[in-house]
Amino acid sequence: METINYLSLKSQIDLDGSVIAYKNFVVVSEFFTGPRGEYFQYRVYRPVDDLEDFSIYEARLEVCSENWTADFETEGEALMAAFTAIEGGRFGEVE
């Protein structure tokens, strides 16, 4: 299991997207461009460490979504899809 923390995600994504703490998850949206055009995708991370001992910003995180998701025209659509999936329990229990 490969882990990463919030700050490392922020520096990895840089200006290509957003890293947002949402409830007990971290959502990453990223902008891509290539032969298929321009689009956004999201990835969801959950903490490995107990959030009673660490904040979401300090905890080690693991990917809980299936790699990158479908393509979205806007970053807002990608984020909303991630938040909706989280609220629906797709990635585990929401606190």
N, C-alpha and C. Protein backbone atom coordinates (compact mmCIF):
# COMPACT_ATOMS: atom_id res chain seq x y z
N MET A 1 0.84 -1.17 0.00
CA MET A 1 0.00 0.00 0.00
C MET A 1 0.89 1.24 0.00
N GLU A 2 0.73 2.05 -1.00
CA GLU A 2 1.49 3.29 -1.12
C GLU A 2 0.70 4.42 -0.46
N THR A 3 1.37 5.22 0.36
CA THR A 3 0.70 6.32 1.04
C THR A 3 1.37 7.65 0.70
N ILE A 4 0.63 8.71 0.94
CA ILE A 4 1.11 10.07 0.70
C ILE A 4 0.38 10.96 1.70
N ASN A 5 0.89 12.16 1.97
CA ASN A 5 0.16 13.05 2.87
C ASN A 5 -0.37 14.25 2.09
N TYR A 6 -1.19 15.04 2.77
CA TYR A 6 -1.88 16.18 2.15
C TYR A 6 -0.89 17.16 1.51
N LEU A 7 0.14 17.54 2.24
CA LEU A 7 1.11 18.51 1.75
C LEU A 7 1.83 17.98 0.50
N SER A 8 2.19 16.70 0.51
CA SER A 8 2.84 16.11 -0.67
C SER A 8 1.91 16.12 -1.88
N LEU A 9 0.62 15.84 -1.65
CA LEU A 9 -0.35 15.91 -2.74
C LEU A 9 -0.42 17.34 -3.30
N LYS A 10 -0.46 18.33 -2.40
CA LYS A 10 -0.54 19.73 -2.83
C LYS A 10 0.64 20.10 -3.72
N SER A 11 1.84 19.69 -3.32
CA SER A 11 3.01 20.04 -4.12
C SER A 11 3.08 19.22 -5.41
N GLN A 12 2.54 18.00 -5.38
CA GLN A 12 2.53 17.15 -6.58
C GLN A 12 1.56 17.70 -7.63
N ILE A 13 0.39 18.13 -7.21
CA ILE A 13 -0.63 18.63 -8.13
C ILE A 13 -0.29 20.03 -8.59
N ASP A 14 0.27 20.85 -7.71
CA ASP A 14 0.72 22.21 -8.01
C ASP A 14 -0.40 23.03 -8.63
N LEU A 15 -0.23 23.51 -9.85
CA LEU A 15 -1.22 24.37 -10.49
C LEU A 15 -2.14 23.62 -11.45
N ASP A 16 -1.99 22.30 -11.54
CA ASP A 16 -2.78 21.51 -12.48
C ASP A 16 -4.14 21.09 -11.94
N GLY A 17 -4.45 21.47 -10.70
CA GLY A 17 -5.73 21.05 -10.13
C GLY A 17 -5.86 21.52 -8.70
N SER A 18 -6.65 20.79 -7.93
CA SER A 18 -6.93 21.16 -6.54
C SER A 18 -6.81 19.94 -5.63
N VAL A 19 -6.46 20.22 -4.38
CA VAL A 19 -6.45 19.21 -3.33
C VAL A 19 -7.33 19.76 -2.22
N ILE A 20 -8.41 19.03 -1.92
CA ILE A 20 -9.42 19.54 -0.99
C ILE A 20 -9.74 18.48 0.06
N ALA A 21 -9.67 18.89 1.33
CA ALA A 21 -10.12 18.02 2.42
C ALA A 21 -11.63 18.12 2.47
N TYR A 22 -12.31 16.97 2.40
CA TYR A 22 -13.77 16.92 2.43
C TYR A 22 -14.20 15.83 3.38
N LYS A 23 -14.76 16.24 4.51
CA LYS A 23 -15.15 15.30 5.57
C LYS A 23 -13.92 14.52 5.99
N ASN A 24 -13.94 13.19 5.98
CA ASN A 24 -12.75 12.43 6.36
C ASN A 24 -12.04 11.84 5.13
N PHE A 25 -12.09 12.58 4.01
CA PHE A 25 -11.43 12.19 2.77
C PHE A 25 -10.65 13.39 2.21
N VAL A 26 -9.80 13.12 1.25
CA VAL A 26 -9.13 14.18 0.49
C VAL A 26 -9.43 13.91 -0.97
N VAL A 27 -9.91 14.95 -1.66
CA VAL A 27 -10.26 14.85 -3.07
C VAL A 27 -9.24 15.64 -3.87
N VAL A 28 -8.73 15.00 -4.93
CA VAL A 28 -7.79 15.65 -5.83
C VAL A 28 -8.44 15.74 -7.20
N SER A 29 -8.46 16.95 -7.76
CA SER A 29 -8.89 17.10 -9.15
C SER A 29 -7.66 17.53 -9.93
N GLU A 30 -7.56 17.05 -11.15
CA GLU A 30 -6.40 17.40 -11.97
C GLU A 30 -6.82 17.65 -13.40
N PHE A 31 -6.17 18.62 -14.02
CA PHE A 31 -6.42 19.01 -15.40
C PHE A 31 -5.48 18.22 -16.30
N PHE A 32 -6.03 17.66 -17.36
CA PHE A 32 -5.25 16.91 -18.35
C PHE A 32 -5.50 17.48 -19.73
N THR A 33 -4.53 17.38 -20.58
CA THR A 33 -4.69 17.76 -21.98
C THR A 33 -3.89 16.78 -22.83
N GLY A 34 -4.41 16.47 -23.99
CA GLY A 34 -3.75 15.51 -24.86
C GLY A 34 -4.59 15.24 -26.09
N PRO A 35 -4.36 14.12 -26.74
CA PRO A 35 -5.08 13.80 -27.97
C PRO A 35 -6.60 13.76 -27.79
N ARG A 36 -7.06 13.44 -26.56
CA ARG A 36 -8.50 13.38 -26.31
C ARG A 36 -9.09 14.76 -26.01
N GLY A 37 -8.25 15.77 -25.93
CA GLY A 37 -8.72 17.11 -25.62
C GLY A 37 -8.32 17.52 -24.21
N GLU A 38 -9.07 18.49 -23.67
CA GLU A 38 -8.81 18.99 -22.32
C GLU A 38 -9.93 18.54 -21.40
N TYR A 39 -9.56 18.07 -20.19
CA TYR A 39 -10.57 17.55 -19.28
C TYR A 39 -10.00 17.49 -17.86
N PHE A 40 -10.91 17.31 -16.91
CA PHE A 40 -10.55 17.13 -15.50
C PHE A 40 -10.95 15.73 -15.07
N GLN A 41 -10.20 15.20 -14.12
CA GLN A 41 -10.53 13.94 -13.48
C GLN A 41 -10.32 14.10 -11.98
N TYR A 42 -10.89 13.17 -11.20
CA TYR A 42 -10.66 13.23 -9.76
C TYR A 42 -10.16 11.90 -9.23
N ARG A 43 -9.57 12.00 -8.05
CA ARG A 43 -9.12 10.83 -7.31
C ARG A 43 -9.45 11.09 -5.84
N VAL A 44 -9.87 10.06 -5.11
CA VAL A 44 -10.23 10.21 -3.70
C VAL A 44 -9.25 9.42 -2.84
N TYR A 45 -8.82 10.04 -1.74
CA TYR A 45 -7.91 9.42 -0.78
C TYR A 45 -8.60 9.34 0.57
N ARG A 46 -8.25 8.32 1.36
CA ARG A 46 -8.75 8.20 2.73
C ARG A 46 -7.54 8.04 3.66
N PRO A 47 -7.70 8.44 4.90
CA PRO A 47 -6.57 8.34 5.83
C PRO A 47 -6.28 6.91 6.24
N VAL A 48 -5.02 6.60 6.38
CA VAL A 48 -4.56 5.32 6.90
C VAL A 48 -4.47 5.44 8.42
N ASP A 49 -4.05 6.62 8.89
CA ASP A 49 -3.90 6.86 10.31
C ASP A 49 -5.24 7.23 10.93
N ASP A 50 -5.37 6.99 12.21
CA ASP A 50 -6.58 7.31 12.97
C ASP A 50 -6.71 8.83 13.09
N LEU A 51 -7.84 9.38 12.68
CA LEU A 51 -8.04 10.83 12.71
C LEU A 51 -8.24 11.35 14.13
N GLU A 52 -8.32 10.48 15.10
CA GLU A 52 -8.33 10.93 16.49
C GLU A 52 -6.92 11.31 16.94
N ASP A 53 -5.92 10.75 16.27
CA ASP A 53 -4.52 11.02 16.60
C ASP A 53 -3.88 12.03 15.65
N PHE A 54 -4.41 12.15 14.44
CA PHE A 54 -3.84 13.02 13.41
C PHE A 54 -4.96 13.81 12.76
N SER A 55 -4.63 15.02 12.27
CA SER A 55 -5.61 15.75 11.46
C SER A 55 -5.55 15.18 10.04
N ILE A 56 -6.54 15.50 9.25
CA ILE A 56 -6.57 15.02 7.86
C ILE A 56 -5.36 15.55 7.08
N TYR A 57 -4.81 16.68 7.54
CA TYR A 57 -3.66 17.30 6.88
C TYR A 57 -2.34 16.62 7.25
N GLU A 58 -2.31 15.92 8.38
CA GLU A 58 -1.10 15.25 8.85
C GLU A 58 -1.09 13.75 8.55
N ALA A 59 -2.25 13.17 8.41
CA ALA A 59 -2.38 11.71 8.27
C ALA A 59 -1.80 11.20 6.95
N ARG A 60 -1.36 9.96 6.99
CA ARG A 60 -0.97 9.30 5.74
C ARG A 60 -2.25 8.94 5.01
N LEU A 61 -2.23 9.09 3.68
CA LEU A 61 -3.42 8.86 2.85
C LEU A 61 -3.15 7.77 1.83
N GLU A 62 -4.22 7.02 1.50
CA GLU A 62 -4.14 6.02 0.43
C GLU A 62 -5.28 6.27 -0.55
N VAL A 63 -5.04 5.93 -1.80
CA VAL A 63 -6.07 6.09 -2.83
C VAL A 63 -7.18 5.08 -2.56
N CYS A 64 -8.43 5.55 -2.60
CA CYS A 64 -9.55 4.62 -2.42
C CYS A 64 -10.48 4.62 -3.63
N SER A 65 -10.23 5.50 -4.59
CA SER A 65 -11.00 5.46 -5.84
C SER A 65 -10.20 4.64 -6.85
N GLU A 66 -10.87 4.18 -7.85
CA GLU A 66 -10.19 3.41 -8.88
C GLU A 66 -9.41 4.36 -9.77
N ASN A 67 -8.10 4.38 -9.58
CA ASN A 67 -7.21 5.26 -10.31
C ASN A 67 -7.87 6.60 -10.60
N TRP A 68 -7.74 7.12 -11.80
CA TRP A 68 -8.43 8.37 -12.16
C TRP A 68 -9.81 8.02 -12.69
N THR A 69 -10.72 8.95 -12.63
CA THR A 69 -12.12 8.71 -12.98
C THR A 69 -12.40 9.11 -14.42
N ALA A 70 -13.68 9.15 -14.74
CA ALA A 70 -14.13 9.59 -16.06
C ALA A 70 -13.73 11.04 -16.29
N ASP A 71 -13.81 11.47 -17.52
CA ASP A 71 -13.45 12.84 -17.88
C ASP A 71 -14.61 13.80 -17.63
N PHE A 72 -14.28 14.98 -17.11
CA PHE A 72 -15.27 16.03 -16.87
C PHE A 72 -14.81 17.31 -17.56
N GLU A 73 -15.76 18.08 -18.09
CA GLU A 73 -15.42 19.31 -18.79
C GLU A 73 -14.88 20.38 -17.87
N THR A 74 -15.38 20.43 -16.63
CA THR A 74 -14.93 21.47 -15.71
C THR A 74 -14.44 20.84 -14.40
N GLU A 75 -13.63 21.59 -13.70
CA GLU A 75 -13.15 21.13 -12.41
C GLU A 75 -14.30 21.00 -11.41
N GLY A 76 -15.24 21.92 -11.48
CA GLY A 76 -16.41 21.88 -10.60
C GLY A 76 -17.20 20.60 -10.76
N GLU A 77 -17.38 20.15 -12.00
CA GLU A 77 -18.11 18.90 -12.25
C GLU A 77 -17.35 17.70 -11.67
N ALA A 78 -16.04 17.71 -11.82
CA ALA A 78 -15.22 16.62 -11.28
C ALA A 78 -15.32 16.59 -9.76
N LEU A 79 -15.20 17.74 -9.12
CA LEU A 79 -15.29 17.81 -7.67
C LEU A 79 -16.66 17.40 -7.17
N MET A 80 -17.71 17.88 -7.84
CA MET A 80 -19.07 17.54 -7.43
C MET A 80 -19.31 16.04 -7.55
N ALA A 81 -18.79 15.42 -8.58
CA ALA A 81 -18.92 13.97 -8.74
C ALA A 81 -18.21 13.24 -7.59
N ALA A 82 -17.05 13.73 -7.21
CA ALA A 82 -16.31 13.12 -6.09
C ALA A 82 -17.08 13.28 -4.79
N PHE A 83 -17.58 14.48 -4.51
CA PHE A 83 -18.32 14.73 -3.28
C PHE A 83 -19.59 13.87 -3.23
N THR A 84 -20.27 13.74 -4.36
CA THR A 84 -21.49 12.94 -4.43
C THR A 84 -21.17 11.46 -4.16
N ALA A 85 -20.07 10.98 -4.73
CA ALA A 85 -19.66 9.59 -4.51
C ALA A 85 -19.31 9.35 -3.03
N ILE A 86 -18.64 10.33 -2.42
CA ILE A 86 -18.29 10.22 -1.00
C ILE A 86 -19.56 10.18 -0.16
N GLU A 87 -20.48 11.10 -0.41
CA GLU A 87 -21.73 11.16 0.36
C GLU A 87 -22.55 9.88 0.19
N GLY A 88 -22.45 9.26 -0.98
CA GLY A 88 -23.16 8.02 -1.25
C GLY A 88 -22.51 6.78 -0.63
N GLY A 89 -21.39 6.96 0.03
CA GLY A 89 -20.72 5.85 0.70
C GLY A 89 -19.86 4.99 -0.22
N ARG A 90 -19.57 5.47 -1.40
CA ARG A 90 -18.82 4.67 -2.36
C ARG A 90 -17.41 4.32 -1.90
N PHE A 91 -16.83 5.19 -1.07
CA PHE A 91 -15.44 5.00 -0.64
C PHE A 91 -15.33 4.66 0.84
N GLY A 92 -16.42 4.31 1.45
CA GLY A 92 -16.41 3.96 2.87
C GLY A 92 -17.27 4.92 3.67
N GLU A 93 -17.21 4.74 4.97
CA GLU A 93 -18.06 5.51 5.88
C GLU A 93 -17.64 6.97 5.93
N VAL A 94 -18.62 7.86 5.90
CA VAL A 94 -18.39 9.30 6.00
C VAL A 94 -18.59 9.72 7.44
N GLU A 95 -17.64 10.47 7.96
CA GLU A 95 -17.77 10.99 9.33
C GLU A 95 -18.11 12.47 9.29
